[in-house]
Amino acid sequence: GWIGRSWADVVTLESRPKVVEMLRDAVALKTPRWRHLNHPGSS
């Protein structure tokens, strides 16, 4: 059910600022960096 949702909404709270930074850099066509994000788990 992720399609149509914001990427920031499917990661944990502390990962959301990283998503914002990654999107900003991607739109600016900057060299991509690897960033550690967490998704909420079922358990």
ModelCIF file with pLDDT and N, C-alpha, C, O atoms, coordinates in Angstrom:
data_MODEL
#
_entry.id   MODEL 
#
_entity.id                         1 
_entity.type                       polymer 
_entity.pdbx_number_of_molecules   1 
#
_entity_poly.entity_id                      1 
_entity_poly.type                           'polypeptide(L)' 
_entity_poly.nstd_linkage                   no 
_entity_poly.nstd_monomer                   no 
_entity_poly.pdbx_seq_one_letter_code       GWIGRSWADVVTLESRPKVVEMLRDAVALKTPRWRHLNHPGSS 
_entity_poly.pdbx_seq_one_letter_code_can   GWIGRSWADVVTLESRPKVVEMLRDAVALKTPRWRHLNHPGSS 
_entity_poly.pdbx_strand_id                 A 
#
loop_
_entity_poly_seq.entity_id 
_entity_poly_seq.num 
_entity_poly_seq.mon_id 
_entity_poly_seq.hetero 
1 1  GLY n 
1 2  TRP n 
1 3  ILE n 
1 4  GLY n 
1 5  ARG n 
1 6  SER n 
1 7  TRP n 
1 8  ALA n 
1 9  ASP n 
1 10 VAL n 
1 11 VAL n 
1 12 THR n 
1 13 LEU n 
1 14 GLU n 
1 15 SER n 
1 16 ARG n 
1 17 PRO n 
1 18 LYS n 
1 19 VAL n 
1 20 VAL n 
1 21 GLU n 
1 22 MET n 
1 23 LEU n 
1 24 ARG n 
1 25 ASP n 
1 26 ALA n 
1 27 VAL n 
1 28 ALA n 
1 29 LEU n 
1 30 LYS n 
1 31 THR n 
1 32 PRO n 
1 33 ARG n 
1 34 TRP n 
1 35 ARG n 
1 36 HIS n 
1 37 LEU n 
1 38 ASN n 
1 39 HIS n 
1 40 PRO n 
1 41 GLY n 
1 42 SER n 
1 43 SER n 
#
_struct_asym.id          A 
_struct_asym.entity_id   1 
#
loop_
_ma_qa_metric.id 
_ma_qa_metric.mode 
_ma_qa_metric.name 
_ma_qa_metric.software_group_id 
_ma_qa_metric.type 
1 global pLDDT . pLDDT 
2 local  pLDDT . pLDDT 
#
_ma_qa_metric_global.metric_id      1 
_ma_qa_metric_global.metric_value   91.93 
_ma_qa_metric_global.model_id       1 
_ma_qa_metric_global.ordinal_id     1 
#
loop_
_ma_qa_metric_local.label_asym_id 
_ma_qa_metric_local.label_comp_id 
_ma_qa_metric_local.label_seq_id 
_ma_qa_metric_local.metric_id 
_ma_qa_metric_local.metric_value 
_ma_qa_metric_local.model_id 
_ma_qa_metric_local.ordinal_id 
A GLY 1  2 90.00 1 1  
A TRP 2  2 92.00 1 2  
A ILE 3  2 93.00 1 3  
A GLY 4  2 94.00 1 4  
A ARG 5  2 95.00 1 5  
A SER 6  2 95.00 1 6  
A TRP 7  2 95.00 1 7  
A ALA 8  2 95.00 1 8  
A ASP 9  2 93.00 1 9  
A VAL 10 2 93.00 1 10 
A VAL 11 2 94.00 1 11 
A THR 12 2 93.00 1 12 
A LEU 13 2 94.00 1 13 
A GLU 14 2 94.00 1 14 
A SER 15 2 95.00 1 15 
A ARG 16 2 95.00 1 16 
A PRO 17 2 95.00 1 17 
A LYS 18 2 96.00 1 18 
A VAL 19 2 96.00 1 19 
A VAL 20 2 95.00 1 20 
A GLU 21 2 95.00 1 21 
A MET 22 2 94.00 1 22 
A LEU 23 2 95.00 1 23 
A ARG 24 2 93.00 1 24 
A ASP 25 2 93.00 1 25 
A ALA 26 2 92.00 1 26 
A VAL 27 2 92.00 1 27 
A ALA 28 2 90.00 1 28 
A LEU 29 2 88.00 1 29 
A LYS 30 2 89.00 1 30 
A THR 31 2 88.00 1 31 
A PRO 32 2 88.00 1 32 
A ARG 33 2 91.00 1 33 
A TRP 34 2 93.00 1 34 
A ARG 35 2 94.00 1 35 
A HIS 36 2 94.00 1 36 
A LEU 37 2 94.00 1 37 
A ASN 38 2 93.00 1 38 
A HIS 39 2 92.00 1 39 
A PRO 40 2 90.00 1 40 
A GLY 41 2 82.00 1 41 
A SER 42 2 77.00 1 42 
A SER 43 2 74.00 1 43 
#
loop_
_atom_site.group_PDB 
_atom_site.id 
_atom_site.type_symbol 
_atom_site.label_atom_id 
_atom_site.label_alt_id 
_atom_site.label_comp_id 
_atom_site.label_asym_id 
_atom_site.label_entity_id 
_atom_site.label_seq_id 
_atom_site.pdbx_PDB_ins_code 
_atom_site.Cartn_x 
_atom_site.Cartn_y 
_atom_site.Cartn_z 
_atom_site.occupancy 
_atom_site.B_iso_or_equiv 
_atom_site.pdbx_formal_charge 
_atom_site.auth_seq_id 
_atom_site.auth_comp_id 
_atom_site.auth_asym_id 
_atom_site.auth_atom_id 
_atom_site.pdbx_PDB_model_num 
ATOM 1   N N  . GLY A 1 1  ? 0.796  -1.225 0.000  1.00 90.00 ? 1  GLY A N  1 
ATOM 2   C CA . GLY A 1 1  ? 0.000  0.000  0.000  1.00 90.00 ? 1  GLY A CA 1 
ATOM 3   C C  . GLY A 1 1  ? 0.826  1.269  0.000  1.00 90.00 ? 1  GLY A C  1 
ATOM 4   O O  . GLY A 1 1  ? 0.291  2.350  0.248  1.00 90.00 ? 1  GLY A O  1 
ATOM 5   N N  . TRP A 1 2  ? 2.124  1.163  -0.274 1.00 92.00 ? 2  TRP A N  1 
ATOM 6   C CA . TRP A 1 2  ? 2.977  2.345  -0.261 1.00 92.00 ? 2  TRP A CA 1 
ATOM 7   C C  . TRP A 1 2  ? 2.741  3.261  -1.464 1.00 92.00 ? 2  TRP A C  1 
ATOM 8   O O  . TRP A 1 2  ? 2.956  4.469  -1.364 1.00 92.00 ? 2  TRP A O  1 
ATOM 9   N N  . ILE A 1 3  ? 2.310  2.718  -2.576 1.00 93.00 ? 3  ILE A N  1 
ATOM 10  C CA . ILE A 1 3  ? 2.140  3.550  -3.773 1.00 93.00 ? 3  ILE A CA 1 
ATOM 11  C C  . ILE A 1 3  ? 1.117  4.654  -3.497 1.00 93.00 ? 3  ILE A C  1 
ATOM 12  O O  . ILE A 1 3  ? 0.005  4.394  -3.038 1.00 93.00 ? 3  ILE A O  1 
ATOM 13  N N  . GLY A 1 4  ? 1.513  5.864  -3.784 1.00 94.00 ? 4  GLY A N  1 
ATOM 14  C CA . GLY A 1 4  ? 0.667  7.024  -3.519 1.00 94.00 ? 4  GLY A CA 1 
ATOM 15  C C  . GLY A 1 4  ? 0.965  7.691  -2.197 1.00 94.00 ? 4  GLY A C  1 
ATOM 16  O O  . GLY A 1 4  ? 0.435  8.764  -1.910 1.00 94.00 ? 4  GLY A O  1 
ATOM 17  N N  . ARG A 1 5  ? 1.820  7.062  -1.372 1.00 95.00 ? 5  ARG A N  1 
ATOM 18  C CA . ARG A 1 5  ? 2.176  7.650  -0.084 1.00 95.00 ? 5  ARG A CA 1 
ATOM 19  C C  . ARG A 1 5  ? 3.532  8.336  -0.177 1.00 95.00 ? 5  ARG A C  1 
ATOM 20  O O  . ARG A 1 5  ? 4.316  8.065  -1.086 1.00 95.00 ? 5  ARG A O  1 
ATOM 21  N N  . SER A 1 6  ? 3.794  9.212  0.759  1.00 95.00 ? 6  SER A N  1 
ATOM 22  C CA . SER A 1 6  ? 5.085  9.877  0.815  1.00 95.00 ? 6  SER A CA 1 
ATOM 23  C C  . SER A 1 6  ? 6.131  8.913  1.373  1.00 95.00 ? 6  SER A C  1 
ATOM 24  O O  . SER A 1 6  ? 5.855  8.131  2.283  1.00 95.00 ? 6  SER A O  1 
ATOM 25  N N  . TRP A 1 7  ? 7.325  8.985  0.815  1.00 95.00 ? 7  TRP A N  1 
ATOM 26  C CA . TRP A 1 7  ? 8.424  8.151  1.313  1.00 95.00 ? 7  TRP A CA 1 
ATOM 27  C C  . TRP A 1 7  ? 8.655  8.396  2.796  1.00 95.00 ? 7  TRP A C  1 
ATOM 28  O O  . TRP A 1 7  ? 8.919  7.458  3.548  1.00 95.00 ? 7  TRP A O  1 
ATOM 29  N N  . ALA A 1 8  ? 8.556  9.648  3.220  1.00 95.00 ? 8  ALA A N  1 
ATOM 30  C CA . ALA A 1 8  ? 8.785  9.991  4.624  1.00 95.00 ? 8  ALA A CA 1 
ATOM 31  C C  . ALA A 1 8  ? 7.759  9.346  5.547  1.00 95.00 ? 8  ALA A C  1 
ATOM 32  O O  . ALA A 1 8  ? 8.025  9.154  6.734  1.00 95.00 ? 8  ALA A O  1 
ATOM 33  N N  . ASP A 1 9  ? 6.587  9.010  5.010  1.00 93.00 ? 9  ASP A N  1 
ATOM 34  C CA . ASP A 1 9  ? 5.536  8.428  5.844  1.00 93.00 ? 9  ASP A CA 1 
ATOM 35  C C  . ASP A 1 9  ? 5.727  6.938  6.099  1.00 93.00 ? 9  ASP A C  1 
ATOM 36  O O  . ASP A 1 9  ? 5.070  6.376  6.976  1.00 93.00 ? 9  ASP A O  1 
ATOM 37  N N  . VAL A 1 10 ? 6.614  6.290  5.349  1.00 93.00 ? 10 VAL A N  1 
ATOM 38  C CA . VAL A 1 10 ? 6.786  4.841  5.509  1.00 93.00 ? 10 VAL A CA 1 
ATOM 39  C C  . VAL A 1 10 ? 8.089  4.499  6.212  1.00 93.00 ? 10 VAL A C  1 
ATOM 40  O O  . VAL A 1 10 ? 8.460  3.329  6.296  1.00 93.00 ? 10 VAL A O  1 
ATOM 41  N N  . VAL A 1 11 ? 8.792  5.516  6.720  1.00 94.00 ? 11 VAL A N  1 
ATOM 42  C CA . VAL A 1 11 ? 9.996  5.284  7.515  1.00 94.00 ? 11 VAL A CA 1 
ATOM 43  C C  . VAL A 1 11 ? 9.721  5.732  8.943  1.00 94.00 ? 11 VAL A C  1 
ATOM 44  O O  . VAL A 1 11 ? 8.707  6.375  9.215  1.00 94.00 ? 11 VAL A O  1 
ATOM 45  N N  . THR A 1 12 ? 10.623 5.392  9.851  1.00 93.00 ? 12 THR A N  1 
ATOM 46  C CA . THR A 1 12 ? 10.459 5.777  11.245 1.00 93.00 ? 12 THR A CA 1 
ATOM 47  C C  . THR A 1 12 ? 10.697 7.277  11.410 1.00 93.00 ? 12 THR A C  1 
ATOM 48  O O  . THR A 1 12 ? 11.268 7.931  10.537 1.00 93.00 ? 12 THR A O  1 
ATOM 49  N N  . LEU A 1 13 ? 10.253 7.800  12.535 1.00 94.00 ? 13 LEU A N  1 
ATOM 50  C CA . LEU A 1 13 ? 10.288 9.247  12.767 1.00 94.00 ? 13 LEU A CA 1 
ATOM 51  C C  . LEU A 1 13 ? 11.694 9.818  12.639 1.00 94.00 ? 13 LEU A C  1 
ATOM 52  O O  . LEU A 1 13 ? 11.881 10.875 12.035 1.00 94.00 ? 13 LEU A O  1 
ATOM 53  N N  . GLU A 1 14 ? 12.689 9.124  13.207 1.00 94.00 ? 14 GLU A N  1 
ATOM 54  C CA . GLU A 1 14 ? 14.048 9.669  13.187 1.00 94.00 ? 14 GLU A CA 1 
ATOM 55  C C  . GLU A 1 14 ? 14.676 9.606  11.797 1.00 94.00 ? 14 GLU A C  1 
ATOM 56  O O  . GLU A 1 14 ? 15.687 10.262 11.545 1.00 94.00 ? 14 GLU A O  1 
ATOM 57  N N  . SER A 1 15 ? 14.084 8.818  10.889 1.00 95.00 ? 15 SER A N  1 
ATOM 58  C CA . SER A 1 15 ? 14.632 8.712  9.537  1.00 95.00 ? 15 SER A CA 1 
ATOM 59  C C  . SER A 1 15 ? 14.079 9.783  8.596  1.00 95.00 ? 15 SER A C  1 
ATOM 60  O O  . SER A 1 15 ? 14.634 9.995  7.517  1.00 95.00 ? 15 SER A O  1 
ATOM 61  N N  . ARG A 1 16 ? 13.015 10.450 8.978  1.00 95.00 ? 16 ARG A N  1 
ATOM 62  C CA . ARG A 1 16 ? 12.363 11.398 8.073  1.00 95.00 ? 16 ARG A CA 1 
ATOM 63  C C  . ARG A 1 16 ? 13.244 12.574 7.657  1.00 95.00 ? 16 ARG A C  1 
ATOM 64  O O  . ARG A 1 16 ? 13.211 12.955 6.487  1.00 95.00 ? 16 ARG A O  1 
ATOM 65  N N  . PRO A 1 17 ? 14.041 13.175 8.569  1.00 95.00 ? 17 PRO A N  1 
ATOM 66  C CA . PRO A 1 17 ? 14.920 14.263 8.106  1.00 95.00 ? 17 PRO A CA 1 
ATOM 67  C C  . PRO A 1 17 ? 15.913 13.801 7.044  1.00 95.00 ? 17 PRO A C  1 
ATOM 68  O O  . PRO A 1 17 ? 16.265 14.577 6.155  1.00 95.00 ? 17 PRO A O  1 
ATOM 69  N N  . LYS A 1 18 ? 16.368 12.560 7.120  1.00 96.00 ? 18 LYS A N  1 
ATOM 70  C CA . LYS A 1 18 ? 17.282 12.037 6.100  1.00 96.00 ? 18 LYS A CA 1 
ATOM 71  C C  . LYS A 1 18 ? 16.580 11.933 4.747  1.00 96.00 ? 18 LYS A C  1 
ATOM 72  O O  . LYS A 1 18 ? 17.173 12.223 3.709  1.00 96.00 ? 18 LYS A O  1 
ATOM 73  N N  . VAL A 1 19 ? 15.314 11.517 4.767  1.00 96.00 ? 19 VAL A N  1 
ATOM 74  C CA . VAL A 1 19 ? 14.549 11.426 3.526  1.00 96.00 ? 19 VAL A CA 1 
ATOM 75  C C  . VAL A 1 19 ? 14.448 12.806 2.872  1.00 96.00 ? 19 VAL A C  1 
ATOM 76  O O  . VAL A 1 19 ? 14.642 12.943 1.664  1.00 96.00 ? 19 VAL A O  1 
ATOM 77  N N  . VAL A 1 20 ? 14.148 13.811 3.667  1.00 95.00 ? 20 VAL A N  1 
ATOM 78  C CA . VAL A 1 20 ? 14.032 15.183 3.140  1.00 95.00 ? 20 VAL A CA 1 
ATOM 79  C C  . VAL A 1 20 ? 15.344 15.611 2.492  1.00 95.00 ? 20 VAL A C  1 
ATOM 80  O O  . VAL A 1 20 ? 15.337 16.185 1.403  1.00 95.00 ? 20 VAL A O  1 
ATOM 81  N N  . GLU A 1 21 ? 16.467 15.337 3.150  1.00 95.00 ? 21 GLU A N  1 
ATOM 82  C CA . GLU A 1 21 ? 17.767 15.712 2.606  1.00 95.00 ? 21 GLU A CA 1 
ATOM 83  C C  . GLU A 1 21 ? 18.066 14.959 1.316  1.00 95.00 ? 21 GLU A C  1 
ATOM 84  O O  . GLU A 1 21 ? 18.577 15.540 0.358  1.00 95.00 ? 21 GLU A O  1 
ATOM 85  N N  . MET A 1 22 ? 17.746 13.665 1.290  1.00 94.00 ? 22 MET A N  1 
ATOM 86  C CA . MET A 1 22 ? 18.019 12.860 0.100  1.00 94.00 ? 22 MET A CA 1 
ATOM 87  C C  . MET A 1 22 ? 17.193 13.315 -1.087 1.00 94.00 ? 22 MET A C  1 
ATOM 88  O O  . MET A 1 22 ? 17.690 13.357 -2.213 1.00 94.00 ? 22 MET A O  1 
ATOM 89  N N  . LEU A 1 23 ? 15.935 13.656 -0.845 1.00 95.00 ? 23 LEU A N  1 
ATOM 90  C CA . LEU A 1 23 ? 15.083 14.147 -1.927 1.00 95.00 ? 23 LEU A CA 1 
ATOM 91  C C  . LEU A 1 23 ? 15.599 15.485 -2.464 1.00 95.00 ? 23 LEU A C  1 
ATOM 92  O O  . LEU A 1 23 ? 15.633 15.712 -3.673 1.00 95.00 ? 23 LEU A O  1 
ATOM 93  N N  . ARG A 1 24 ? 15.996 16.357 -1.552 1.00 93.00 ? 24 ARG A N  1 
ATOM 94  C CA . ARG A 1 24 ? 16.511 17.666 -1.972 1.00 93.00 ? 24 ARG A CA 1 
ATOM 95  C C  . ARG A 1 24 ? 17.764 17.503 -2.829 1.00 93.00 ? 24 ARG A C  1 
ATOM 96  O O  . ARG A 1 24 ? 17.905 18.162 -3.859 1.00 93.00 ? 24 ARG A O  1 
ATOM 97  N N  . ASP A 1 25 ? 18.674 16.624 -2.404 1.00 93.00 ? 25 ASP A N  1 
ATOM 98  C CA . ASP A 1 25 ? 19.904 16.415 -3.167 1.00 93.00 ? 25 ASP A CA 1 
ATOM 99  C C  . ASP A 1 25 ? 19.615 15.752 -4.518 1.00 93.00 ? 25 ASP A C  1 
ATOM 100 O O  . ASP A 1 25 ? 20.256 16.068 -5.520 1.00 93.00 ? 25 ASP A O  1 
ATOM 101 N N  . ALA A 1 26 ? 18.647 14.832 -4.534 1.00 92.00 ? 26 ALA A N  1 
ATOM 102 C CA . ALA A 1 26 ? 18.318 14.144 -5.791 1.00 92.00 ? 26 ALA A CA 1 
ATOM 103 C C  . ALA A 1 26 ? 17.711 15.110 -6.801 1.00 92.00 ? 26 ALA A C  1 
ATOM 104 O O  . ALA A 1 26 ? 18.045 15.055 -7.985 1.00 92.00 ? 26 ALA A O  1 
ATOM 105 N N  . VAL A 1 27 ? 16.834 15.983 -6.354 1.00 92.00 ? 27 VAL A N  1 
ATOM 106 C CA . VAL A 1 27 ? 16.225 16.975 -7.249 1.00 92.00 ? 27 VAL A CA 1 
ATOM 107 C C  . VAL A 1 27 ? 17.299 17.909 -7.804 1.00 92.00 ? 27 VAL A C  1 
ATOM 108 O O  . VAL A 1 27 ? 17.228 18.340 -8.955 1.00 92.00 ? 27 VAL A O  1 
ATOM 109 N N  . ALA A 1 28 ? 18.298 18.216 -6.968 1.00 90.00 ? 28 ALA A N  1 
ATOM 110 C CA . ALA A 1 28 ? 19.395 19.094 -7.406 1.00 90.00 ? 28 ALA A CA 1 
ATOM 111 C C  . ALA A 1 28 ? 20.450 18.338 -8.203 1.00 90.00 ? 28 ALA A C  1 
ATOM 112 O O  . ALA A 1 28 ? 21.464 18.913 -8.597 1.00 90.00 ? 28 ALA A O  1 
ATOM 113 N N  . LEU A 1 29 ? 20.211 17.040 -8.441 1.00 88.00 ? 29 LEU A N  1 
ATOM 114 C CA . LEU A 1 29 ? 21.123 16.190 -9.217 1.00 88.00 ? 29 LEU A CA 1 
ATOM 115 C C  . LEU A 1 29 ? 22.521 16.139 -8.609 1.00 88.00 ? 29 LEU A C  1 
ATOM 116 O O  . LEU A 1 29 ? 23.518 16.068 -9.327 1.00 88.00 ? 29 LEU A O  1 
ATOM 117 N N  . LYS A 1 30 ? 22.582 16.176 -7.265 1.00 89.00 ? 30 LYS A N  1 
ATOM 118 C CA . LYS A 1 30 ? 23.863 16.054 -6.585 1.00 89.00 ? 30 LYS A CA 1 
ATOM 119 C C  . LYS A 1 30 ? 24.289 14.580 -6.549 1.00 89.00 ? 30 LYS A C  1 
ATOM 120 O O  . LYS A 1 30 ? 23.467 13.677 -6.705 1.00 89.00 ? 30 LYS A O  1 
ATOM 121 N N  . THR A 1 31 ? 25.585 14.365 -6.343 1.00 88.00 ? 31 THR A N  1 
ATOM 122 C CA . THR A 1 31 ? 26.094 12.999 -6.249 1.00 88.00 ? 31 THR A CA 1 
ATOM 123 C C  . THR A 1 31 ? 25.411 12.283 -5.085 1.00 88.00 ? 31 THR A C  1 
ATOM 124 O O  . THR A 1 31 ? 25.484 12.755 -3.950 1.00 88.00 ? 31 THR A O  1 
ATOM 125 N N  . PRO A 1 32 ? 24.753 11.161 -5.340 1.00 88.00 ? 32 PRO A N  1 
ATOM 126 C CA . PRO A 1 32 ? 24.001 10.495 -4.272 1.00 88.00 ? 32 PRO A CA 1 
ATOM 127 C C  . PRO A 1 32 ? 24.908 9.903  -3.204 1.00 88.00 ? 32 PRO A C  1 
ATOM 128 O O  . PRO A 1 32 ? 26.030 9.478  -3.481 1.00 88.00 ? 32 PRO A O  1 
ATOM 129 N N  . ARG A 1 33 ? 24.393 9.886  -1.972 1.00 91.00 ? 33 ARG A N  1 
ATOM 130 C CA . ARG A 1 33 ? 25.089 9.265  -0.847 1.00 91.00 ? 33 ARG A CA 1 
ATOM 131 C C  . ARG A 1 33 ? 24.211 8.163  -0.268 1.00 91.00 ? 33 ARG A C  1 
ATOM 132 O O  . ARG A 1 33 ? 22.985 8.222  -0.349 1.00 91.00 ? 33 ARG A O  1 
ATOM 133 N N  . TRP A 1 34 ? 24.847 7.170  0.310  1.00 93.00 ? 34 TRP A N  1 
ATOM 134 C CA . TRP A 1 34 ? 24.097 6.116  0.989  1.00 93.00 ? 34 TRP A CA 1 
ATOM 135 C C  . TRP A 1 34 ? 23.733 6.583  2.388  1.00 93.00 ? 34 TRP A C  1 
ATOM 136 O O  . TRP A 1 34 ? 24.582 7.063  3.138  1.00 93.00 ? 34 TRP A O  1 
ATOM 137 N N  . ARG A 1 35 ? 22.449 6.434  2.730  1.00 94.00 ? 35 ARG A N  1 
ATOM 138 C CA . ARG A 1 35 ? 21.968 6.845  4.052  1.00 94.00 ? 35 ARG A CA 1 
ATOM 139 C C  . ARG A 1 35 ? 21.178 5.705  4.682  1.00 94.00 ? 35 ARG A C  1 
ATOM 140 O O  . ARG A 1 35 ? 20.421 5.004  4.011  1.00 94.00 ? 35 ARG A O  1 
ATOM 141 N N  . HIS A 1 36 ? 21.369 5.542  5.964  1.00 94.00 ? 36 HIS A N  1 
ATOM 142 C CA . HIS A 1 36 ? 20.682 4.480  6.703  1.00 94.00 ? 36 HIS A CA 1 
ATOM 143 C C  . HIS A 1 36 ? 19.305 4.963  7.147  1.00 94.00 ? 36 HIS A C  1 
ATOM 144 O O  . HIS A 1 36 ? 19.190 5.933  7.897  1.00 94.00 ? 36 HIS A O  1 
ATOM 145 N N  . LEU A 1 37 ? 18.263 4.280  6.680  1.00 94.00 ? 37 LEU A N  1 
ATOM 146 C CA . LEU A 1 37 ? 16.890 4.574  7.074  1.00 94.00 ? 37 LEU A CA 1 
ATOM 147 C C  . LEU A 1 37 ? 16.287 3.329  7.725  1.00 94.00 ? 37 LEU A C  1 
ATOM 148 O O  . LEU A 1 37 ? 16.727 2.208  7.471  1.00 94.00 ? 37 LEU A O  1 
ATOM 149 N N  . ASN A 1 38 ? 15.286 3.541  8.560  1.00 93.00 ? 38 ASN A N  1 
ATOM 150 C CA . ASN A 1 38 ? 14.573 2.428  9.184  1.00 93.00 ? 38 ASN A CA 1 
ATOM 151 C C  . ASN A 1 38 ? 13.099 2.465  8.789  1.00 93.00 ? 38 ASN A C  1 
ATOM 152 O O  . ASN A 1 38 ? 12.468 3.522  8.779  1.00 93.00 ? 38 ASN A O  1 
ATOM 153 N N  . HIS A 1 39 ? 12.568 1.288  8.466  1.00 92.00 ? 39 HIS A N  1 
ATOM 154 C CA . HIS A 1 39 ? 11.134 1.132  8.261  1.00 92.00 ? 39 HIS A CA 1 
ATOM 155 C C  . HIS A 1 39 ? 10.540 0.433  9.485  1.00 92.00 ? 39 HIS A C  1 
ATOM 156 O O  . HIS A 1 39 ? 11.180 -0.456 10.047 1.00 92.00 ? 39 HIS A O  1 
ATOM 157 N N  . PRO A 1 40 ? 9.340  0.812  9.908  1.00 90.00 ? 40 PRO A N  1 
ATOM 158 C CA . PRO A 1 40 ? 8.718  0.116  11.038 1.00 90.00 ? 40 PRO A CA 1 
ATOM 159 C C  . PRO A 1 40 ? 8.512  -1.360 10.704 1.00 90.00 ? 40 PRO A C  1 
ATOM 160 O O  . PRO A 1 40 ? 8.059  -1.697 9.610  1.00 90.00 ? 40 PRO A O  1 
ATOM 161 N N  . GLY A 1 41 ? 8.848  -2.240 11.657 1.00 82.00 ? 41 GLY A N  1 
ATOM 162 C CA . GLY A 1 41 ? 8.677  -3.676 11.459 1.00 82.00 ? 41 GLY A CA 1 
ATOM 163 C C  . GLY A 1 41 ? 7.407  -4.179 12.101 1.00 82.00 ? 41 GLY A C  1 
ATOM 164 O O  . GLY A 1 41 ? 6.823  -3.511 12.954 1.00 82.00 ? 41 GLY A O  1 
ATOM 165 N N  . SER A 1 42 ? 6.981  -5.352 11.691 1.00 77.00 ? 42 SER A N  1 
ATOM 166 C CA . SER A 1 42 ? 5.723  -5.909 12.194 1.00 77.00 ? 42 SER A CA 1 
ATOM 167 C C  . SER A 1 42 ? 5.823  -6.363 13.640 1.00 77.00 ? 42 SER A C  1 
ATOM 168 O O  . SER A 1 42 ? 4.820  -6.358 14.353 1.00 77.00 ? 42 SER A O  1 
ATOM 169 N N  . SER A 1 43 ? 7.009  -6.756 14.092 1.00 74.00 ? 43 SER A N  1 
ATOM 170 C CA . SER A 1 43 ? 7.171  -7.270 15.459 1.00 74.00 ? 43 SER A CA 1 
ATOM 171 C C  . SER A 1 43 ? 7.732  -6.227 16.411 1.00 74.00 ? 43 SER A C  1 
ATOM 172 O O  . SER A 1 43 ? 7.924  -6.511 17.593 1.00 74.00 ? 43 SER A O  1 
#
